[in-house]
Amino acid sequence: MRNSSLFLRSGLTVAAASALPFVVAAGSAAAVSGISVSTTGSTVSVTTSACSNVNGSWGTASLLNSRQANFAQGRQVSLSGTAALQSAAWSGVGPGTYTVIVVCSNGTTAGTQSVIVSGPSPTRTISTTASPSRGVMGGMGGGSKDYGTLTLVGGGALVGAGVLATAWFLRRKSKPYRL
């Protein structure tokens, strides 16, 4: 009876460890932003296809600097466009790091993304990563790079193999006459 409960517990641990990459992959897929932000000189523009027209309005885009905390405090611009693509732009933006938030007219957030404006020169700087809503979460991984599903599955397989090898080794050590 004692051995069966040990194997049950270790089996549950192995199952949880092997499911971890799929949970992480699902979480990173949900973090993908539905907007695209770009800069040209001192002009910042945003495009999205996530909003729908409600009562003649597509929604609103807001440009926040580092001292502004929410959507209402930023420079707001109404989205314009078609059902396939909506856009907004801000001109005369000074150098610095900004956050662009797009809220559709039905109240849903299409996306949030950081952008760096380098100055009035005609250089182009694009930030392709979505900014975390609560800052960089240390220990959660992926704070600086988004790994693909294949990498996560491979890592999960290695972790699962390590757990199985450890369980086999400990079982073998406890009873030397068994394989």
N, C-alpha and C. Protein backbone atom coordinates (compact mmCIF):
# COMPACT_ATOMS: atom_id res chain seq x y z
N MET A 1 0.82 -1.19 0.00
CA MET A 1 0.00 0.00 0.00
C MET A 1 0.87 1.25 0.00
N ARG A 2 1.97 1.18 0.75
CA ARG A 2 2.86 2.33 0.85
C ARG A 2 3.47 2.68 -0.51
N ASN A 3 3.88 1.67 -1.25
CA ASN A 3 4.48 1.92 -2.56
C ASN A 3 3.46 2.47 -3.55
N SER A 4 2.24 2.02 -3.51
CA SER A 4 1.25 2.49 -4.48
C SER A 4 0.93 3.97 -4.27
N SER A 5 0.89 4.44 -3.03
CA SER A 5 0.63 5.87 -2.81
C SER A 5 1.83 6.71 -3.25
N LEU A 6 3.05 6.16 -3.07
CA LEU A 6 4.24 6.87 -3.54
C LEU A 6 4.21 7.02 -5.05
N PHE A 7 3.85 5.94 -5.76
CA PHE A 7 3.80 6.01 -7.20
C PHE A 7 2.67 6.90 -7.69
N LEU A 8 1.56 6.92 -6.97
CA LEU A 8 0.45 7.80 -7.33
C LEU A 8 0.89 9.26 -7.22
N ARG A 9 1.55 9.60 -6.11
CA ARG A 9 2.01 10.97 -5.93
C ARG A 9 3.06 11.35 -6.97
N SER A 10 4.00 10.46 -7.25
CA SER A 10 5.03 10.78 -8.24
C SER A 10 4.42 10.85 -9.63
N GLY A 11 3.40 10.02 -9.91
CA GLY A 11 2.72 10.08 -11.20
C GLY A 11 2.01 11.40 -11.40
N LEU A 12 1.38 11.91 -10.34
CA LEU A 12 0.72 13.21 -10.44
C LEU A 12 1.74 14.32 -10.64
N THR A 13 2.89 14.20 -9.99
CA THR A 13 3.94 15.21 -10.16
C THR A 13 4.46 15.21 -11.60
N VAL A 14 4.68 14.02 -12.15
CA VAL A 14 5.14 13.91 -13.53
C VAL A 14 4.10 14.50 -14.48
N ALA A 15 2.83 14.21 -14.25
CA ALA A 15 1.77 14.74 -15.11
C ALA A 15 1.72 16.26 -15.04
N ALA A 16 1.86 16.82 -13.84
CA ALA A 16 1.85 18.28 -13.70
C ALA A 16 3.06 18.89 -14.37
N ALA A 17 4.23 18.27 -14.23
CA ALA A 17 5.45 18.80 -14.85
C ALA A 17 5.38 18.74 -16.36
N SER A 18 4.78 17.68 -16.91
CA SER A 18 4.70 17.58 -18.37
C SER A 18 3.65 18.51 -18.95
N ALA A 19 2.66 18.91 -18.17
CA ALA A 19 1.63 19.83 -18.65
C ALA A 19 2.07 21.29 -18.57
N LEU A 20 3.13 21.57 -17.83
CA LEU A 20 3.59 22.94 -17.63
C LEU A 20 3.91 23.67 -18.93
N PRO A 21 4.62 23.08 -19.90
CA PRO A 21 4.90 23.83 -21.14
C PRO A 21 3.65 24.26 -21.88
N PHE A 22 2.60 23.44 -21.84
CA PHE A 22 1.37 23.80 -22.54
C PHE A 22 0.67 24.97 -21.86
N VAL A 23 0.72 25.03 -20.54
CA VAL A 23 0.13 26.14 -19.80
C VAL A 23 0.89 27.42 -20.10
N VAL A 24 2.23 27.35 -20.12
CA VAL A 24 3.05 28.53 -20.41
C VAL A 24 2.83 28.99 -21.83
N ALA A 25 2.74 28.05 -22.78
CA ALA A 25 2.51 28.42 -24.18
C ALA A 25 1.17 29.10 -24.35
N ALA A 26 0.15 28.63 -23.65
CA ALA A 26 -1.18 29.26 -23.75
C ALA A 26 -1.14 30.65 -23.15
N GLY A 27 -0.41 30.85 -22.07
CA GLY A 27 -0.31 32.17 -21.46
C GLY A 27 0.41 33.15 -22.35
N SER A 28 1.48 32.72 -23.04
CA SER A 28 2.20 33.62 -23.92
C SER A 28 1.39 33.95 -25.16
N ALA A 29 0.56 33.05 -25.62
CA ALA A 29 -0.28 33.35 -26.78
C ALA A 29 -1.32 34.40 -26.43
N ALA A 30 -1.79 34.41 -25.19
CA ALA A 30 -2.78 35.39 -24.78
C ALA A 30 -2.17 36.77 -24.63
N ALA A 31 -0.84 36.87 -24.50
CA ALA A 31 -0.19 38.14 -24.30
C ALA A 31 0.06 38.90 -25.58
N VAL A 32 -0.22 38.31 -26.71
CA VAL A 32 0.04 38.93 -27.99
C VAL A 32 -0.89 40.13 -28.16
N SER A 33 -0.34 41.26 -28.59
CA SER A 33 -1.10 42.48 -28.75
C SER A 33 -1.81 42.51 -30.10
N GLY A 34 -3.00 43.11 -30.14
CA GLY A 34 -3.77 43.22 -31.37
C GLY A 34 -3.54 44.52 -32.10
N ILE A 35 -2.46 45.23 -31.76
CA ILE A 35 -2.16 46.51 -32.40
C ILE A 35 -0.74 46.50 -32.93
N SER A 36 -0.46 47.41 -33.86
CA SER A 36 0.88 47.59 -34.39
C SER A 36 1.23 49.07 -34.30
N VAL A 37 2.32 49.37 -33.60
CA VAL A 37 2.72 50.75 -33.37
C VAL A 37 4.03 51.02 -34.09
N SER A 38 4.15 52.19 -34.73
CA SER A 38 5.39 52.56 -35.41
C SER A 38 5.64 54.06 -35.23
N THR A 39 6.90 54.44 -35.40
CA THR A 39 7.27 55.85 -35.32
C THR A 39 8.05 56.24 -36.56
N THR A 40 7.86 57.47 -36.96
CA THR A 40 8.65 58.09 -38.02
C THR A 40 8.94 59.50 -37.56
N GLY A 41 10.20 59.74 -37.15
CA GLY A 41 10.54 61.05 -36.61
C GLY A 41 9.78 61.31 -35.33
N SER A 42 8.98 62.38 -35.31
CA SER A 42 8.21 62.71 -34.12
C SER A 42 6.73 62.35 -34.27
N THR A 43 6.41 61.46 -35.22
CA THR A 43 5.04 61.01 -35.43
C THR A 43 4.92 59.55 -35.00
N VAL A 44 3.92 59.29 -34.17
CA VAL A 44 3.63 57.92 -33.72
C VAL A 44 2.30 57.52 -34.34
N SER A 45 2.25 56.32 -34.93
CA SER A 45 0.99 55.85 -35.51
C SER A 45 0.70 54.44 -35.02
N VAL A 46 -0.59 54.13 -34.97
CA VAL A 46 -1.05 52.82 -34.52
C VAL A 46 -2.09 52.31 -35.50
N THR A 47 -2.04 51.00 -35.78
CA THR A 47 -3.05 50.36 -36.62
C THR A 47 -3.55 49.10 -35.92
N THR A 48 -4.80 48.76 -36.20
CA THR A 48 -5.41 47.56 -35.64
C THR A 48 -6.53 47.10 -36.56
N SER A 49 -6.90 45.85 -36.42
CA SER A 49 -8.07 45.35 -37.14
C SER A 49 -9.04 44.70 -36.16
N ALA A 50 -8.84 44.99 -34.87
CA ALA A 50 -9.61 44.32 -33.81
C ALA A 50 -10.93 45.03 -33.48
N CYS A 51 -11.11 46.27 -33.91
CA CYS A 51 -12.30 47.03 -33.52
C CYS A 51 -13.40 46.94 -34.57
N SER A 52 -14.62 47.09 -34.09
CA SER A 52 -15.77 47.13 -34.99
C SER A 52 -16.50 48.46 -34.81
N ASN A 53 -17.21 48.87 -35.83
CA ASN A 53 -17.90 50.15 -35.82
C ASN A 53 -19.19 50.04 -35.00
N VAL A 54 -19.28 50.88 -33.95
CA VAL A 54 -20.47 50.93 -33.12
C VAL A 54 -20.94 52.39 -33.09
N ASN A 55 -22.13 52.64 -33.60
CA ASN A 55 -22.72 53.99 -33.63
C ASN A 55 -21.79 55.00 -34.31
N GLY A 56 -21.14 54.60 -35.41
CA GLY A 56 -20.30 55.50 -36.18
C GLY A 56 -18.92 55.74 -35.60
N SER A 57 -18.50 55.00 -34.60
CA SER A 57 -17.20 55.17 -33.99
C SER A 57 -16.46 53.83 -33.95
N TRP A 58 -15.17 53.87 -34.28
CA TRP A 58 -14.33 52.66 -34.21
C TRP A 58 -13.75 52.49 -32.81
N GLY A 59 -13.45 53.61 -32.16
CA GLY A 59 -12.84 53.55 -30.84
C GLY A 59 -11.86 54.70 -30.67
N THR A 60 -11.02 54.60 -29.64
CA THR A 60 -10.08 55.67 -29.30
C THR A 60 -8.72 55.07 -29.01
N ALA A 61 -7.68 55.80 -29.42
CA ALA A 61 -6.30 55.42 -29.11
C ALA A 61 -5.72 56.50 -28.20
N SER A 62 -4.92 56.09 -27.23
CA SER A 62 -4.35 57.03 -26.28
C SER A 62 -2.83 56.83 -26.21
N LEU A 63 -2.09 57.93 -26.19
CA LEU A 63 -0.63 57.91 -26.09
C LEU A 63 -0.26 58.40 -24.70
N LEU A 64 0.35 57.51 -23.89
CA LEU A 64 0.71 57.83 -22.51
C LEU A 64 2.22 57.95 -22.36
N ASN A 65 2.67 58.95 -21.62
CA ASN A 65 4.09 59.00 -21.28
C ASN A 65 4.31 58.26 -19.97
N SER A 66 5.53 58.24 -19.46
CA SER A 66 5.85 57.43 -18.28
C SER A 66 5.18 57.94 -17.01
N ARG A 67 4.74 59.20 -16.96
CA ARG A 67 4.10 59.75 -15.76
C ARG A 67 2.59 59.57 -15.75
N GLN A 68 2.02 59.11 -16.84
CA GLN A 68 0.58 58.95 -16.94
C GLN A 68 0.21 57.50 -16.69
N ALA A 69 -0.81 57.30 -15.87
CA ALA A 69 -1.13 55.94 -15.40
C ALA A 69 -2.28 55.27 -16.13
N ASN A 70 -3.23 56.03 -16.68
CA ASN A 70 -4.36 55.36 -17.30
C ASN A 70 -4.75 56.00 -18.62
N PHE A 71 -5.68 55.35 -19.30
CA PHE A 71 -6.11 55.71 -20.64
C PHE A 71 -6.57 57.16 -20.75
N ALA A 72 -7.31 57.64 -19.76
CA ALA A 72 -7.90 58.98 -19.82
C ALA A 72 -6.88 60.10 -19.70
N GLN A 73 -5.69 59.81 -19.15
CA GLN A 73 -4.69 60.85 -18.95
C GLN A 73 -3.85 61.13 -20.20
N GLY A 74 -3.86 60.24 -21.17
CA GLY A 74 -3.01 60.39 -22.35
C GLY A 74 -3.62 61.28 -23.41
N ARG A 75 -2.84 61.48 -24.48
CA ARG A 75 -3.31 62.22 -25.65
C ARG A 75 -4.20 61.28 -26.45
N GLN A 76 -5.51 61.59 -26.50
CA GLN A 76 -6.46 60.69 -27.14
C GLN A 76 -6.77 61.13 -28.56
N VAL A 77 -6.89 60.12 -29.45
CA VAL A 77 -7.23 60.35 -30.85
C VAL A 77 -8.26 59.29 -31.23
N SER A 78 -9.27 59.70 -32.00
CA SER A 78 -10.27 58.73 -32.47
C SER A 78 -9.70 57.90 -33.61
N LEU A 79 -10.06 56.63 -33.63
CA LEU A 79 -9.64 55.75 -34.72
C LEU A 79 -10.44 56.06 -35.97
N SER A 80 -9.81 55.90 -37.12
CA SER A 80 -10.51 56.06 -38.39
C SER A 80 -10.09 54.91 -39.29
N GLY A 81 -10.90 54.61 -40.29
CA GLY A 81 -10.53 53.55 -41.21
C GLY A 81 -11.72 52.77 -41.71
N THR A 82 -11.47 51.50 -42.01
CA THR A 82 -12.49 50.62 -42.56
C THR A 82 -12.65 49.41 -41.65
N ALA A 83 -13.52 48.49 -42.03
CA ALA A 83 -13.73 47.29 -41.23
C ALA A 83 -12.48 46.42 -41.21
N ALA A 84 -11.63 46.54 -42.23
CA ALA A 84 -10.41 45.72 -42.30
C ALA A 84 -9.26 46.31 -41.49
N LEU A 85 -9.17 47.65 -41.38
CA LEU A 85 -8.03 48.27 -40.73
C LEU A 85 -8.40 49.65 -40.19
N GLN A 86 -8.11 49.88 -38.92
CA GLN A 86 -8.34 51.17 -38.30
C GLN A 86 -6.98 51.74 -37.87
N SER A 87 -6.87 53.08 -37.86
CA SER A 87 -5.59 53.69 -37.51
C SER A 87 -5.79 55.02 -36.81
N ALA A 88 -4.72 55.46 -36.15
CA ALA A 88 -4.67 56.78 -35.50
C ALA A 88 -3.21 57.21 -35.49
N ALA A 89 -2.97 58.53 -35.36
CA ALA A 89 -1.59 59.05 -35.36
C ALA A 89 -1.51 60.28 -34.48
N TRP A 90 -0.33 60.48 -33.91
CA TRP A 90 0.00 61.66 -33.12
C TRP A 90 1.24 62.28 -33.74
N SER A 91 1.25 63.60 -33.93
CA SER A 91 2.43 64.27 -34.47
C SER A 91 3.01 65.19 -33.41
N GLY A 92 4.27 65.56 -33.57
CA GLY A 92 4.93 66.43 -32.62
C GLY A 92 5.22 65.77 -31.28
N VAL A 93 5.48 64.48 -31.29
CA VAL A 93 5.75 63.74 -30.07
C VAL A 93 7.24 63.88 -29.75
N GLY A 94 7.55 64.27 -28.51
CA GLY A 94 8.93 64.44 -28.09
C GLY A 94 9.63 63.11 -27.84
N PRO A 95 10.95 63.13 -27.76
CA PRO A 95 11.70 61.89 -27.51
C PRO A 95 11.33 61.28 -26.16
N GLY A 96 11.32 59.96 -26.09
CA GLY A 96 11.00 59.27 -24.85
C GLY A 96 10.32 57.94 -25.12
N THR A 97 9.93 57.29 -24.03
CA THR A 97 9.22 56.02 -24.11
C THR A 97 7.75 56.26 -23.81
N TYR A 98 6.90 55.76 -24.66
CA TYR A 98 5.46 55.96 -24.54
C TYR A 98 4.74 54.62 -24.57
N THR A 99 3.51 54.61 -24.09
CA THR A 99 2.64 53.45 -24.17
C THR A 99 1.41 53.84 -24.97
N VAL A 100 1.09 53.02 -25.96
CA VAL A 100 -0.10 53.25 -26.78
C VAL A 100 -1.16 52.23 -26.36
N ILE A 101 -2.36 52.72 -26.08
CA ILE A 101 -3.49 51.87 -25.70
C ILE A 101 -4.63 52.14 -26.67
N VAL A 102 -5.20 51.08 -27.23
CA VAL A 102 -6.35 51.22 -28.13
C VAL A 102 -7.56 50.57 -27.47
N VAL A 103 -8.62 51.36 -27.30
CA VAL A 103 -9.87 50.86 -26.73
C VAL A 103 -10.94 51.01 -27.81
N CYS A 104 -11.56 49.88 -28.16
CA CYS A 104 -12.60 49.88 -29.19
C CYS A 104 -13.87 50.54 -28.64
N SER A 105 -14.77 50.91 -29.54
CA SER A 105 -15.99 51.60 -29.13
C SER A 105 -16.93 50.71 -28.32
N ASN A 106 -16.74 49.40 -28.37
CA ASN A 106 -17.57 48.51 -27.55
C ASN A 106 -16.98 48.31 -26.16
N GLY A 107 -15.87 49.00 -25.84
CA GLY A 107 -15.29 48.97 -24.50
C GLY A 107 -14.15 47.98 -24.31
N THR A 108 -13.87 47.13 -25.29
CA THR A 108 -12.78 46.17 -25.16
C THR A 108 -11.45 46.81 -25.54
N THR A 109 -10.38 46.36 -24.92
CA THR A 109 -9.05 46.87 -25.24
C THR A 109 -8.46 46.03 -26.36
N ALA A 110 -8.14 46.68 -27.49
CA ALA A 110 -7.57 45.97 -28.63
C ALA A 110 -6.11 45.61 -28.37
N GLY A 111 -5.42 46.42 -27.57
CA GLY A 111 -4.02 46.12 -27.28
C GLY A 111 -3.32 47.27 -26.61
N THR A 112 -2.18 46.94 -26.02
CA THR A 112 -1.31 47.91 -25.36
C THR A 112 0.11 47.61 -25.82
N GLN A 113 0.85 48.65 -26.20
CA GLN A 113 2.20 48.41 -26.71
C GLN A 113 3.08 49.61 -26.39
N SER A 114 4.34 49.34 -26.07
CA SER A 114 5.31 50.40 -25.81
C SER A 114 6.00 50.80 -27.10
N VAL A 115 6.39 52.07 -27.16
CA VAL A 115 7.12 52.56 -28.32
C VAL A 115 8.16 53.57 -27.84
N ILE A 116 9.31 53.60 -28.49
CA ILE A 116 10.37 54.56 -28.16
C ILE A 116 10.48 55.55 -29.29
N VAL A 117 10.32 56.82 -28.97
CA VAL A 117 10.48 57.90 -29.94
C VAL A 117 11.87 58.46 -29.72
N SER A 118 12.71 58.37 -30.76
CA SER A 118 14.10 58.76 -30.60
C SER A 118 14.36 60.24 -30.88
N GLY A 119 13.46 60.91 -31.52
CA GLY A 119 13.65 62.34 -31.76
C GLY A 119 13.13 62.76 -33.11
N PRO A 120 13.40 64.02 -33.48
CA PRO A 120 12.84 64.55 -34.71
C PRO A 120 13.53 64.06 -35.98
N SER A 121 14.63 63.31 -35.86
CA SER A 121 15.29 62.81 -37.06
C SER A 121 14.42 61.75 -37.73
N PRO A 122 14.57 61.54 -39.03
CA PRO A 122 13.70 60.59 -39.73
C PRO A 122 14.12 59.13 -39.52
N THR A 123 14.51 58.76 -38.30
CA THR A 123 14.82 57.37 -38.01
C THR A 123 13.55 56.64 -37.63
N ARG A 124 13.56 55.36 -37.80
CA ARG A 124 12.36 54.59 -37.52
C ARG A 124 12.66 53.59 -36.42
N THR A 125 11.92 53.66 -35.33
CA THR A 125 12.08 52.75 -34.21
C THR A 125 10.75 52.08 -33.94
N ILE A 126 10.76 50.76 -33.93
CA ILE A 126 9.53 50.02 -33.71
C ILE A 126 9.73 49.07 -32.55
N SER A 127 8.81 49.07 -31.62
CA SER A 127 8.82 48.10 -30.53
C SER A 127 7.78 47.05 -30.86
N THR A 128 8.22 45.80 -30.98
CA THR A 128 7.29 44.74 -31.38
C THR A 128 6.79 43.91 -30.22
N THR A 129 7.19 44.26 -29.00
CA THR A 129 6.72 43.48 -27.86
C THR A 129 5.64 44.24 -27.12
N ALA A 130 4.65 43.53 -26.67
CA ALA A 130 3.59 44.14 -25.89
C ALA A 130 4.12 44.46 -24.50
N SER A 131 3.75 45.62 -23.98
CA SER A 131 4.23 45.98 -22.65
C SER A 131 3.39 45.28 -21.59
N PRO A 132 4.03 44.78 -20.56
CA PRO A 132 3.27 44.12 -19.49
C PRO A 132 2.38 45.12 -18.77
N SER A 133 1.20 44.69 -18.40
CA SER A 133 0.26 45.60 -17.74
C SER A 133 0.68 45.89 -16.30
N ARG A 134 1.48 45.00 -15.68
CA ARG A 134 1.92 45.22 -14.30
C ARG A 134 3.43 45.28 -14.21
N GLY A 135 4.12 45.73 -15.25
CA GLY A 135 5.57 45.77 -15.23
C GLY A 135 6.15 44.41 -15.56
N VAL A 136 7.46 44.33 -15.52
CA VAL A 136 8.13 43.07 -15.79
C VAL A 136 7.96 42.18 -14.57
N MET A 137 7.44 40.98 -14.79
CA MET A 137 7.19 40.07 -13.69
C MET A 137 8.37 39.12 -13.56
N GLY A 138 9.30 39.44 -12.66
CA GLY A 138 10.49 38.62 -12.46
C GLY A 138 10.11 37.23 -12.02
N GLY A 139 10.81 36.26 -12.54
CA GLY A 139 10.56 34.89 -12.16
C GLY A 139 9.54 34.19 -13.04
N MET A 140 8.77 34.92 -13.81
CA MET A 140 7.78 34.31 -14.68
C MET A 140 8.39 33.93 -16.03
N GLY A 141 9.57 34.44 -16.33
CA GLY A 141 10.20 34.14 -17.61
C GLY A 141 9.58 34.93 -18.74
N GLY A 142 10.24 35.00 -19.85
CA GLY A 142 9.72 35.71 -21.00
C GLY A 142 9.68 37.21 -20.82
N GLY A 143 10.41 37.74 -19.82
CA GLY A 143 10.41 39.17 -19.58
C GLY A 143 11.10 39.94 -20.68
N SER A 144 12.01 39.28 -21.41
CA SER A 144 12.73 39.98 -22.45
C SER A 144 12.63 39.31 -23.81
N LYS A 145 12.18 38.06 -23.86
CA LYS A 145 12.10 37.37 -25.14
C LYS A 145 10.90 36.44 -25.14
N ASP A 146 10.21 36.37 -26.26
CA ASP A 146 9.06 35.50 -26.39
C ASP A 146 9.52 34.22 -27.09
N TYR A 147 9.49 33.09 -26.39
CA TYR A 147 9.92 31.83 -26.97
C TYR A 147 8.76 31.17 -27.68
N GLY A 148 9.05 30.46 -28.75
CA GLY A 148 8.02 29.78 -29.52
C GLY A 148 7.52 28.52 -28.84
N THR A 149 6.45 27.99 -29.36
CA THR A 149 5.82 26.80 -28.79
C THR A 149 6.75 25.60 -28.85
N LEU A 150 7.49 25.46 -29.95
CA LEU A 150 8.41 24.33 -30.10
C LEU A 150 9.47 24.35 -29.01
N THR A 151 10.02 25.49 -28.69
CA THR A 151 11.03 25.61 -27.64
C THR A 151 10.44 25.24 -26.29
N LEU A 152 9.23 25.70 -26.00
CA LEU A 152 8.58 25.40 -24.73
C LEU A 152 8.26 23.91 -24.61
N VAL A 153 7.79 23.29 -25.69
CA VAL A 153 7.49 21.86 -25.65
C VAL A 153 8.77 21.06 -25.46
N GLY A 154 9.84 21.45 -26.16
CA GLY A 154 11.13 20.77 -25.98
C GLY A 154 11.63 20.88 -24.56
N GLY A 155 11.53 22.05 -23.97
CA GLY A 155 11.95 22.23 -22.58
C GLY A 155 11.10 21.41 -21.63
N GLY A 156 9.80 21.35 -21.88
CA GLY A 156 8.91 20.54 -21.05
C GLY A 156 9.24 19.06 -21.14
N ALA A 157 9.60 18.61 -22.36
CA ALA A 157 9.98 17.20 -22.53
C ALA A 157 11.26 16.90 -21.75
N LEU A 158 12.21 17.82 -21.76
CA LEU A 158 13.44 17.62 -21.00
C LEU A 158 13.17 17.59 -19.50
N VAL A 159 12.30 18.47 -19.03
CA VAL A 159 11.95 18.48 -17.61
C VAL A 159 11.24 17.18 -17.24
N GLY A 160 10.31 16.74 -18.08
CA GLY A 160 9.61 15.48 -17.83
C GLY A 160 10.56 14.29 -17.80
N ALA A 161 11.53 14.27 -18.73
CA ALA A 161 12.51 13.19 -18.75
C ALA A 161 13.36 13.22 -17.48
N GLY A 162 13.71 14.40 -17.02
CA GLY A 162 14.49 14.53 -15.79
C GLY A 162 13.72 14.04 -14.57
N VAL A 163 12.43 14.35 -14.52
CA VAL A 163 11.60 13.89 -13.41
C VAL A 163 11.48 12.37 -13.42
N LEU A 164 11.25 11.79 -14.60
CA LEU A 164 11.17 10.33 -14.71
C LEU A 164 12.49 9.66 -14.33
N ALA A 165 13.60 10.20 -14.79
CA ALA A 165 14.91 9.63 -14.46
C ALA A 165 15.17 9.71 -12.96
N THR A 166 14.80 10.81 -12.33
CA THR A 166 14.98 10.96 -10.89
C THR A 166 14.13 9.95 -10.13
N ALA A 167 12.87 9.79 -10.53
CA ALA A 167 11.99 8.83 -9.86
C ALA A 167 12.53 7.41 -10.01
N TRP A 168 13.01 7.06 -11.21
CA TRP A 168 13.56 5.73 -11.44
C TRP A 168 14.81 5.51 -10.59
N PHE A 169 15.68 6.51 -10.54
CA PHE A 169 16.92 6.39 -9.76
C PHE A 169 16.62 6.23 -8.27
N LEU A 170 15.71 7.03 -7.74
CA LEU A 170 15.38 6.94 -6.32
C LEU A 170 14.71 5.60 -6.00
N ARG A 171 13.89 5.10 -6.88
CA ARG A 171 13.25 3.80 -6.66
C ARG A 171 14.29 2.70 -6.67
N ARG A 172 15.23 2.78 -7.58
CA ARG A 172 16.27 1.77 -7.69
C ARG A 172 17.19 1.80 -6.47
N LYS A 173 17.48 3.00 -5.96
CA LYS A 173 18.34 3.13 -4.77
C LYS A 173 17.69 2.57 -3.53
N SER A 174 16.36 2.72 -3.44
CA SER A 174 15.66 2.26 -2.24
C SER A 174 15.57 0.72 -2.18
N LYS A 175 15.55 0.08 -3.31
CA LYS A 175 15.48 -1.39 -3.37
C LYS A 175 16.52 -1.87 -4.39
N PRO A 176 17.73 -2.17 -3.93
CA PRO A 176 18.81 -2.49 -4.87
C PRO A 176 18.61 -3.80 -5.63
N TYR A 177 17.72 -4.66 -5.20
CA TYR A 177 17.52 -5.92 -5.88
C TYR A 177 16.51 -5.81 -7.03
N ARG A 178 15.96 -4.63 -7.26
CA ARG A 178 14.97 -4.45 -8.32
C ARG A 178 15.54 -3.57 -9.42
N LEU A 179 15.02 -3.67 -10.59
CA LEU A 179 15.47 -2.85 -11.71
C LEU A 179 14.79 -1.51 -11.71
